[in-house]
Amino acid sequence: MNQVTGFLERENTKGYSGERPEIEVRNLSKLFGKRKVLDKISFNLEKGGFLSLFGPNGAGKTTLIKIIATLVAPTEGEVFLGGMDPKKDSAAIRARIGFISHSPLLYLDLSAEENLKFYGTMYGVKELSSRIDELLDQVELSHRRYDLVRTFSKGMTQRLAIARALLHRPSVLFLDEPHTGLDPHAVDILEGLLDSIREDHTFIMITHNIERGLALCSKAMILDNGQVVFYQNKEELDVDMFKDIYRKHVRGDS
């Protein structure tokens, strides 16, 4: 039995001491036509957990997140988020998730405040004005609240995207290469915000940044060709082994 298989089997067979994991993925597979994008993926992520997900382009990382977020249906297997089944509770699940990526998902011809009002209204955020004030202050954009987003720098736009993702207080955050294009100050803001909400939130982050991915995570996984080739808890993680497997599967080193 190899290390990955042994860890997965321990995770899948251990009992739940009262509280279920926040995210459960069981034997998940996805085919697009005849191409298998995910092949029997299984893992659990506890509330407050942080999974850093590594892998080459085309490994299935984004598809995995889309399935958990109810945006794509699996071909086989099951996913549960907060104990809810996407087949029955997709709307409730989507209300509990936030998404941060290198694409900000903002309207360029609206101001910072108008963007947050739009998304806040869509999510039914209570006391929206005070929540907007709070977030604009946290991402250091209060002084630009009335300016159109198209006038923002890349770093400022990403900081506003962080506020958008946190606006409705999601319990699960998906981060797809969130550090891409950020200046050092914006990186500090992002990681400071993540640290401040860490205890009550659960995270899955796609990244190619080994240093930041390992620093933030509670678990690390490498996907290649739709399969798990590395998966460990951080406290058990052998960094040298991780880097060897990363170089082999992500960089293609022999």
Protein backbone atom coordinates (compact mmCIF):
# COMPACT_ATOMS: atom_id res chain seq x y z
CA MET A 1 0.00 0.00 0.00
CA ASN A 2 1.53 3.35 -1.01
CA GLN A 3 1.51 6.46 1.17
CA VAL A 4 -1.34 8.22 -0.66
CA THR A 5 -3.57 5.14 -0.66
CA GLY A 6 -2.94 4.52 3.02
CA PHE A 7 -3.81 8.08 3.99
CA LEU A 8 -6.97 8.08 1.86
CA GLU A 9 -8.14 4.81 3.37
CA ARG A 10 -7.60 6.11 6.91
CA GLU A 11 -9.61 9.22 6.07
CA ASN A 12 -12.45 7.27 4.50
CA THR A 13 -12.78 4.70 7.29
CA LYS A 14 -12.31 6.79 10.42
CA GLY A 15 -15.46 7.61 12.32
CA TYR A 16 -16.88 11.07 12.76
CA SER A 17 -16.81 12.15 16.42
CA GLY A 18 -20.12 13.99 16.37
CA GLU A 19 -19.47 16.58 13.68
CA ARG A 20 -19.17 15.71 10.01
CA PRO A 21 -16.37 17.19 7.89
CA GLU A 22 -17.31 20.46 6.21
CA ILE A 23 -16.42 18.99 2.80
CA GLU A 24 -16.69 15.28 1.91
CA VAL A 25 -15.65 13.95 -1.49
CA ARG A 26 -16.22 10.24 -2.11
CA ASN A 27 -14.95 8.31 -5.14
CA LEU A 28 -15.53 11.29 -7.40
CA SER A 29 -15.09 10.83 -11.15
CA LYS A 30 -15.86 13.13 -14.07
CA LEU A 31 -15.86 12.39 -17.78
CA PHE A 32 -16.15 14.94 -20.58
CA GLY A 33 -17.05 12.74 -23.52
CA LYS A 34 -14.56 9.89 -23.36
CA ARG A 35 -11.93 11.90 -21.48
CA LYS A 36 -11.72 11.14 -17.75
CA VAL A 37 -10.89 14.44 -16.01
CA LEU A 38 -11.24 13.12 -12.44
CA ASP A 39 -10.69 9.51 -11.42
CA LYS A 40 -12.07 8.32 -8.05
CA ILE A 41 -11.04 11.33 -5.93
CA SER A 42 -11.77 11.02 -2.19
CA PHE A 43 -10.95 13.30 0.74
CA ASN A 44 -12.46 15.01 3.77
CA LEU A 45 -11.84 18.58 4.90
CA GLU A 46 -12.79 19.64 8.40
CA LYS A 47 -14.31 23.00 9.32
CA GLY A 48 -11.44 25.47 9.49
CA GLY A 49 -9.32 23.24 7.25
CA PHE A 50 -7.23 24.59 4.38
CA LEU A 51 -6.49 22.33 1.41
CA SER A 52 -3.78 23.57 -0.95
CA LEU A 53 -4.32 21.89 -4.31
CA PHE A 54 -1.37 21.60 -6.68
CA GLY A 55 -1.04 20.07 -10.12
CA PRO A 56 -0.18 20.75 -13.76
CA ASN A 57 -2.59 22.49 -16.11
CA GLY A 58 -5.34 20.08 -17.12
CA ALA A 59 -4.96 17.93 -13.98
CA GLY A 60 -8.62 18.42 -12.99
CA LYS A 61 -8.19 20.98 -10.21
CA THR A 62 -10.74 23.51 -11.46
CA THR A 63 -13.22 20.77 -12.36
CA LEU A 64 -12.98 19.44 -8.81
CA ILE A 65 -13.80 22.85 -7.35
CA LYS A 66 -16.68 23.35 -9.79
CA ILE A 67 -18.21 20.03 -8.75
CA ILE A 68 -17.97 20.84 -5.05
CA ALA A 69 -19.50 24.26 -5.78
CA THR A 70 -22.44 22.58 -7.61
CA LEU A 71 -21.50 24.21 -10.94
CA VAL A 72 -20.73 20.88 -12.63
CA ALA A 73 -22.32 17.49 -11.94
CA PRO A 74 -20.03 14.50 -11.32
CA THR A 75 -20.21 11.42 -13.51
CA GLU A 76 -19.76 9.17 -10.48
CA GLY A 77 -19.30 9.58 -6.75
CA GLU A 78 -20.68 11.91 -4.09
CA VAL A 79 -19.95 15.33 -2.63
CA PHE A 80 -21.32 16.83 0.56
CA LEU A 81 -20.79 20.37 1.83
CA GLY A 82 -21.84 21.03 5.40
CA GLY A 83 -23.65 17.69 5.24
CA MET A 84 -25.76 18.92 2.30
CA ASP A 85 -26.14 17.03 -0.96
CA PRO A 86 -25.71 19.19 -4.12
CA LYS A 87 -28.40 17.15 -5.87
CA LYS A 88 -30.95 18.37 -3.31
CA ASP A 89 -29.49 21.52 -1.76
CA SER A 90 -27.60 23.31 -4.53
CA ALA A 91 -29.05 26.76 -3.76
CA ALA A 92 -28.25 26.47 -0.05
CA ILE A 93 -24.71 25.31 -0.84
CA ARG A 94 -24.06 28.20 -3.23
CA ALA A 95 -25.18 30.64 -0.52
CA ARG A 96 -22.42 29.27 1.72
CA ILE A 97 -19.49 29.57 -0.68
CA GLY A 98 -17.27 32.39 -1.86
CA PHE A 99 -14.80 32.47 -4.76
CA ILE A 100 -11.56 34.38 -5.23
CA SER A 101 -9.52 33.99 -8.41
CA HIS A 102 -7.27 35.92 -10.76
CA SER A 103 -10.48 36.96 -12.54
CA PRO A 104 -12.15 39.53 -10.25
CA LEU A 105 -15.78 39.01 -11.37
CA LEU A 106 -16.52 42.73 -11.03
CA TYR A 107 -18.38 45.24 -13.22
CA LEU A 108 -15.82 47.71 -14.54
CA ASP A 109 -18.34 50.50 -15.18
CA LEU A 110 -19.66 50.42 -11.61
CA SER A 111 -17.97 51.93 -8.59
CA ALA A 112 -16.52 49.84 -5.78
CA GLU A 113 -19.55 50.56 -3.63
CA GLU A 114 -22.00 49.82 -6.47
CA ASN A 115 -20.36 46.45 -7.12
CA LEU A 116 -20.63 45.45 -3.48
CA LYS A 117 -24.24 46.70 -3.27
CA PHE A 118 -25.14 44.61 -6.31
CA TYR A 119 -23.64 41.41 -4.95
CA GLY A 120 -24.84 42.11 -1.42
CA THR A 121 -28.42 42.57 -2.62
CA MET A 122 -28.18 39.38 -4.67
CA TYR A 123 -27.08 37.45 -1.59
CA GLY A 124 -29.55 39.16 0.73
CA VAL A 125 -26.84 40.47 3.06
CA LYS A 126 -28.28 42.01 6.19
CA GLU A 127 -27.09 45.48 7.28
CA LEU A 128 -25.43 45.76 3.88
CA SER A 129 -24.19 49.34 4.22
CA SER A 130 -22.24 48.64 7.39
CA ARG A 131 -20.88 45.40 5.91
CA ILE A 132 -19.63 47.32 2.85
CA ASP A 133 -18.02 49.92 5.10
CA GLU A 134 -16.29 47.17 7.08
CA LEU A 135 -14.91 45.36 4.05
CA LEU A 136 -13.78 48.46 2.16
CA ASP A 137 -11.87 49.44 5.28
CA GLN A 138 -10.31 45.96 5.57
CA VAL A 139 -9.09 45.98 1.96
CA GLU A 140 -8.01 49.63 2.27
CA LEU A 141 -10.30 50.95 -0.46
CA SER A 142 -12.60 53.27 1.51
CA HIS A 143 -11.06 56.27 -0.21
CA ARG A 144 -11.95 54.82 -3.65
CA ARG A 145 -15.50 53.63 -2.90
CA TYR A 146 -17.13 55.99 -5.44
CA ASP A 147 -14.57 55.45 -8.23
CA LEU A 148 -15.25 53.22 -11.23
CA VAL A 149 -13.47 49.87 -11.06
CA ARG A 150 -11.99 50.43 -14.53
CA THR A 151 -9.80 53.16 -12.98
CA PHE A 152 -8.32 50.74 -10.42
CA SER A 153 -4.88 49.15 -10.61
CA LYS A 154 -4.65 45.35 -10.82
CA GLY A 155 -3.88 45.11 -7.13
CA MET A 156 -6.78 47.36 -6.13
CA THR A 157 -9.18 45.40 -8.35
CA GLN A 158 -8.10 42.15 -6.69
CA ARG A 159 -8.54 43.68 -3.24
CA LEU A 160 -12.11 44.65 -4.17
CA ALA A 161 -12.66 41.09 -5.47
CA ILE A 162 -11.63 39.81 -2.05
CA ALA A 163 -14.26 42.06 -0.45
CA ARG A 164 -16.85 40.78 -2.93
CA ALA A 165 -16.07 37.17 -2.09
CA LEU A 166 -16.33 37.75 1.67
CA LEU A 167 -19.39 40.01 1.52
CA HIS A 168 -22.00 37.37 2.43
CA ARG A 169 -19.80 35.73 5.08
CA PRO A 170 -19.38 32.39 3.26
CA SER A 171 -18.41 29.37 5.32
CA VAL A 172 -16.35 27.88 2.46
CA LEU A 173 -13.93 29.81 0.27
CA PHE A 174 -12.52 28.58 -3.03
CA LEU A 175 -9.33 30.32 -4.13
CA ASP A 176 -8.09 29.80 -7.69
CA GLU A 177 -4.55 31.16 -8.02
CA PRO A 178 -5.50 34.11 -5.79
CA HIS A 179 -1.96 35.52 -5.62
CA THR A 180 -1.70 35.96 -9.40
CA GLY A 181 -1.14 39.60 -10.30
CA LEU A 182 -1.13 40.84 -6.71
CA ASP A 183 1.50 43.28 -5.52
CA PRO A 184 3.16 42.48 -2.17
CA HIS A 185 0.82 44.82 -0.28
CA ALA A 186 -2.27 43.15 -1.75
CA VAL A 187 -0.81 39.72 -0.87
CA ASP A 188 -0.39 40.87 2.73
CA ILE A 189 -4.02 42.09 2.80
CA LEU A 190 -5.31 38.83 1.34
CA GLU A 191 -3.41 36.62 3.74
CA GLY A 192 -4.22 38.85 6.69
CA LEU A 193 -7.93 38.56 5.89
CA LEU A 194 -7.67 34.80 5.47
CA ASP A 195 -5.89 34.53 8.81
CA SER A 196 -8.54 36.65 10.54
CA ILE A 197 -11.40 34.39 9.38
CA ARG A 198 -9.48 31.10 9.45
CA GLU A 199 -11.13 29.58 12.51
CA ASP A 200 -14.70 29.67 11.18
CA HIS A 201 -14.09 29.03 7.49
CA THR A 202 -12.95 26.20 5.25
CA PHE A 203 -10.68 26.74 2.25
CA ILE A 204 -9.61 25.01 -0.95
CA MET A 205 -6.89 26.86 -2.85
CA ILE A 206 -5.52 26.01 -6.29
CA THR A 207 -1.97 27.24 -6.52
CA HIS A 208 1.41 26.77 -8.18
CA ASN A 209 3.11 28.76 -5.42
CA ILE A 210 4.71 26.05 -3.27
CA GLU A 211 5.92 28.41 -0.55
CA ARG A 212 2.57 30.11 0.06
CA GLY A 213 0.54 26.97 -0.57
CA LEU A 214 2.39 24.98 2.08
CA ALA A 215 2.50 27.91 4.51
CA LEU A 216 -1.29 28.34 4.44
CA CYS A 217 -2.48 24.75 4.26
CA SER A 218 -3.59 22.16 6.79
CA LYS A 219 -3.55 19.54 4.01
CA ALA A 220 -1.70 19.42 0.69
CA MET A 221 -2.75 17.51 -2.42
CA ILE A 222 -1.21 17.08 -5.87
CA LEU A 223 -3.47 16.04 -8.75
CA ASP A 224 -2.13 14.75 -12.03
CA ASN A 225 -4.20 13.38 -14.90
CA GLY A 226 -7.28 13.39 -12.67
CA GLN A 227 -5.70 11.28 -9.92
CA VAL A 228 -4.33 12.01 -6.45
CA VAL A 229 -0.56 11.48 -6.52
CA PHE A 230 0.19 13.14 -3.17
CA TYR A 231 -2.01 13.85 -0.14
CA GLN A 232 -0.88 14.54 3.43
CA ASN A 233 -1.73 16.47 6.55
CA LYS A 234 0.66 19.37 7.02
CA GLU A 235 2.00 18.09 10.33
CA GLU A 236 2.96 14.81 8.62
CA LEU A 237 4.21 16.42 5.44
CA ASP A 238 7.66 15.53 4.16
CA VAL A 239 8.62 18.68 2.26
CA ASP A 240 11.42 17.01 0.31
CA MET A 241 9.11 14.21 -0.82
CA PHE A 242 6.46 16.76 -1.75
CA LYS A 243 8.91 18.74 -3.85
CA ASP A 244 10.17 15.61 -5.60
CA ILE A 245 6.64 14.57 -6.53
CA TYR A 246 5.77 18.14 -7.53
CA ARG A 247 8.77 18.35 -9.86
CA LYS A 248 7.90 15.00 -11.43
CA HIS A 249 4.20 15.67 -12.02
CA VAL A 250 3.97 19.44 -12.39
CA ARG A 251 7.26 20.40 -13.97
CA GLY A 252 7.77 17.11 -15.79
CA ASP A 253 11.25 16.48 -14.39
CA SER A 254 12.44 12.90 -14.82
